[in-house]
Amino acid sequence: MIKTALFVRLEAKPGKEQEVESFLMGGLPLVEQEPATIAWFGLKMAPSVYGIFDAFPDDAGRQAHLAGKVAEALMAKAPDLFAKPPEIMSIDVLAAKLPS
């Protein structure tokens, strides 16, 4: 059951949009190795606005993800790719529907 989530808003620097998209697509194999990351989405919301939404069974799973390889790579690349630091929001999930 999903109890917690993260939403990360990312704004690409001008001309870095394709690199941000490649970074997000490249993150999928890394999160597939995280057993507590139940769902993970790389999102494009506008021409230079991106996001990540991921969901976890509990706060321990969320914290493990925040200490994982995708978060580490995100923070390492942030100064080069993003117009401002990633905005990371912790979310409590009240209801969810997943495939069975």
C-alpha atoms as a PDB file:
ATOM      1  CA  MET A   1       0.000   0.000   0.000  1.00  0.00           C
ATOM      2  CA  ILE A   2       1.224   3.492  -0.821  1.00  0.00           C
ATOM      3  CA  LYS A   3       1.429   5.835   2.156  1.00  0.00           C
ATOM      4  CA  THR A   4       4.049   8.414   1.137  1.00  0.00           C
ATOM      5  CA  ALA A   5       5.314  10.068  -2.038  1.00  0.00           C
ATOM      6  CA  LEU A   6       7.605  12.714  -3.431  1.00  0.00           C
ATOM      7  CA  PHE A   7       6.987  15.316  -6.097  1.00  0.00           C
ATOM      8  CA  VAL A   8      10.018  17.086  -7.529  1.00  0.00           C
ATOM      9  CA  ARG A   9       9.581  20.114  -9.788  1.00  0.00           C
ATOM     10  CA  LEU A  10      12.432  20.781 -12.204  1.00  0.00           C
ATOM     11  CA  GLU A  11      12.934  23.785 -14.477  1.00  0.00           C
ATOM     12  CA  ALA A  12      15.473  23.236 -17.253  1.00  0.00           C
ATOM     13  CA  LYS A  13      17.988  25.907 -18.127  1.00  0.00           C
ATOM     14  CA  PRO A  14      17.443  27.272 -21.646  1.00  0.00           C
ATOM     15  CA  GLY A  15      18.871  24.801 -24.147  1.00  0.00           C
ATOM     16  CA  LYS A  16      19.130  21.979 -21.581  1.00  0.00           C
ATOM     17  CA  GLU A  17      15.667  20.498 -22.143  1.00  0.00           C
ATOM     18  CA  GLN A  18      16.863  17.448 -24.093  1.00  0.00           C
ATOM     19  CA  GLU A  19      19.516  16.714 -21.464  1.00  0.00           C
ATOM     20  CA  VAL A  20      16.874  16.863 -18.718  1.00  0.00           C
ATOM     21  CA  GLU A  21      14.652  14.474 -20.671  1.00  0.00           C
ATOM     22  CA  SER A  22      17.559  12.069 -21.179  1.00  0.00           C
ATOM     23  CA  PHE A  23      18.406  12.285 -17.487  1.00  0.00           C
ATOM     24  CA  LEU A  24      14.830  11.428 -16.506  1.00  0.00           C
ATOM     25  CA  MET A  25      14.630   8.505 -18.930  1.00  0.00           C
ATOM     26  CA  GLY A  26      17.993   7.252 -17.662  1.00  0.00           C
ATOM     27  CA  GLY A  27      16.737   7.278 -14.078  1.00  0.00           C
ATOM     28  CA  LEU A  28      14.256   4.468 -14.660  1.00  0.00           C
ATOM     29  CA  PRO A  29      16.767   1.579 -14.520  1.00  0.00           C
ATOM     30  CA  LEU A  30      18.122   2.975 -11.246  1.00  0.00           C
ATOM     31  CA  VAL A  31      14.751   3.185  -9.499  1.00  0.00           C
ATOM     32  CA  GLU A  32      13.831  -0.273 -10.775  1.00  0.00           C
ATOM     33  CA  GLN A  33      16.533  -1.492  -8.353  1.00  0.00           C
ATOM     34  CA  GLU A  34      14.781   0.165  -5.374  1.00  0.00           C
ATOM     35  CA  PRO A  35      12.300  -2.332  -3.888  1.00  0.00           C
ATOM     36  CA  ALA A  36      10.525   0.338  -1.802  1.00  0.00           C
ATOM     37  CA  THR A  37       9.887   2.613  -4.805  1.00  0.00           C
ATOM     38  CA  ILE A  38       6.456   1.307  -5.783  1.00  0.00           C
ATOM     39  CA  ALA A  39       5.821   3.827  -8.559  1.00  0.00           C
ATOM     40  CA  TRP A  40       8.088   6.321 -10.328  1.00  0.00           C
ATOM     41  CA  PHE A  41       7.261   8.779 -13.099  1.00  0.00           C
ATOM     42  CA  GLY A  42       9.467  11.188 -15.042  1.00  0.00           C
ATOM     43  CA  LEU A  43       7.190  13.985 -16.253  1.00  0.00           C
ATOM     44  CA  LYS A  44       7.190  16.829 -18.787  1.00  0.00           C
ATOM     45  CA  MET A  45       4.667  19.488 -17.793  1.00  0.00           C
ATOM     46  CA  ALA A  46       5.647  22.360 -20.105  1.00  0.00           C
ATOM     47  CA  PRO A  47       8.426  23.016 -22.642  1.00  0.00           C
ATOM     48  CA  SER A  48      11.047  23.596 -19.913  1.00  0.00           C
ATOM     49  CA  VAL A  49       9.219  22.320 -16.809  1.00  0.00           C
ATOM     50  CA  TYR A  50       9.683  18.728 -15.688  1.00  0.00           C
ATOM     51  CA  GLY A  51       8.889  16.677 -12.647  1.00  0.00           C
ATOM     52  CA  ILE A  52       9.364  13.409 -10.854  1.00  0.00           C
ATOM     53  CA  PHE A  53       6.599  11.685  -8.923  1.00  0.00           C
ATOM     54  CA  ASP A  54       7.389   8.602  -6.900  1.00  0.00           C
ATOM     55  CA  ALA A  55       5.473   6.623  -4.298  1.00  0.00           C
ATOM     56  CA  PHE A  56       6.464   4.455  -1.341  1.00  0.00           C
ATOM     57  CA  PRO A  57       4.882   2.162   1.260  1.00  0.00           C
ATOM     58  CA  ASP A  58       6.268   4.231   4.151  1.00  0.00           C
ATOM     59  CA  ASP A  59       8.658   7.002   5.110  1.00  0.00           C
ATOM     60  CA  ALA A  60      11.580   4.551   5.352  1.00  0.00           C
ATOM     61  CA  GLY A  61      11.137   3.775   1.643  1.00  0.00           C
ATOM     62  CA  ARG A  62      10.981   7.464   0.822  1.00  0.00           C
ATOM     63  CA  GLN A  63      14.138   8.168   2.828  1.00  0.00           C
ATOM     64  CA  ALA A  64      15.944   5.260   1.150  1.00  0.00           C
ATOM     65  CA  HIS A  65      15.037   6.729  -2.239  1.00  0.00           C
ATOM     66  CA  LEU A  66      16.257  10.182  -1.204  1.00  0.00           C
ATOM     67  CA  ALA A  67      19.583   8.600  -0.256  1.00  0.00           C
ATOM     68  CA  GLY A  68      19.728   6.552  -3.493  1.00  0.00           C
ATOM     69  CA  LYS A  69      21.475   6.841  -6.836  1.00  0.00           C
ATOM     70  CA  VAL A  70      18.828   8.875  -8.670  1.00  0.00           C
ATOM     71  CA  ALA A  71      18.726  11.551  -5.958  1.00  0.00           C
ATOM     72  CA  GLU A  72      22.520  11.632  -5.868  1.00  0.00           C
ATOM     73  CA  ALA A  73      22.726  12.066  -9.653  1.00  0.00           C
ATOM     74  CA  LEU A  74      19.963  14.688  -9.602  1.00  0.00           C
ATOM     75  CA  MET A  75      21.803  16.846  -7.089  1.00  0.00           C
ATOM     76  CA  ALA A  76      25.139  16.389  -8.878  1.00  0.00           C
ATOM     77  CA  LYS A  77      23.670  17.542 -12.213  1.00  0.00           C
ATOM     78  CA  ALA A  78      21.370  20.242 -10.801  1.00  0.00           C
ATOM     79  CA  PRO A  79      23.740  23.221 -11.246  1.00  0.00           C
ATOM     80  CA  ASP A  80      24.316  22.352 -14.917  1.00  0.00           C
ATOM     81  CA  LEU A  81      20.785  21.355 -15.949  1.00  0.00           C
ATOM     82  CA  PHE A  82      18.341  23.420 -13.903  1.00  0.00           C
ATOM     83  CA  ALA A  83      17.502  27.119 -13.756  1.00  0.00           C
ATOM     84  CA  LYS A  84      16.934  26.811 -10.000  1.00  0.00           C
ATOM     85  CA  PRO A  85      17.418  24.048  -7.433  1.00  0.00           C
ATOM     86  CA  PRO A  86      14.970  21.129  -7.642  1.00  0.00           C
ATOM     87  CA  GLU A  87      11.874  21.734  -5.520  1.00  0.00           C
ATOM     88  CA  ILE A  88      11.318  18.540  -3.506  1.00  0.00           C
ATOM     89  CA  MET A  89       7.943  18.099  -1.805  1.00  0.00           C
ATOM     90  CA  SER A  90       7.166  15.256   0.592  1.00  0.00           C
ATOM     91  CA  ILE A  91       3.574  14.055   0.232  1.00  0.00           C
ATOM     92  CA  ASP A  92       1.284  11.899   2.353  1.00  0.00           C
ATOM     93  CA  VAL A  93      -0.900   9.720   0.125  1.00  0.00           C
ATOM     94  CA  LEU A  94      -4.532   9.544   1.238  1.00  0.00           C
ATOM     95  CA  ALA A  95      -5.804   7.202  -1.494  1.00  0.00           C
ATOM     96  CA  ALA A  96      -4.289   5.373  -4.455  1.00  0.00           C
ATOM     97  CA  LYS A  97      -5.211   2.933  -7.217  1.00  0.00           C
ATOM     98  CA  LEU A  98      -2.583   0.648  -8.692  1.00  0.00           C
ATOM     99  CA  PRO A  99      -2.805  -2.283 -11.087  1.00  0.00           C
ATOM    100  CA  SER A 100      -3.312  -5.580  -9.300  1.00  0.00           C
END
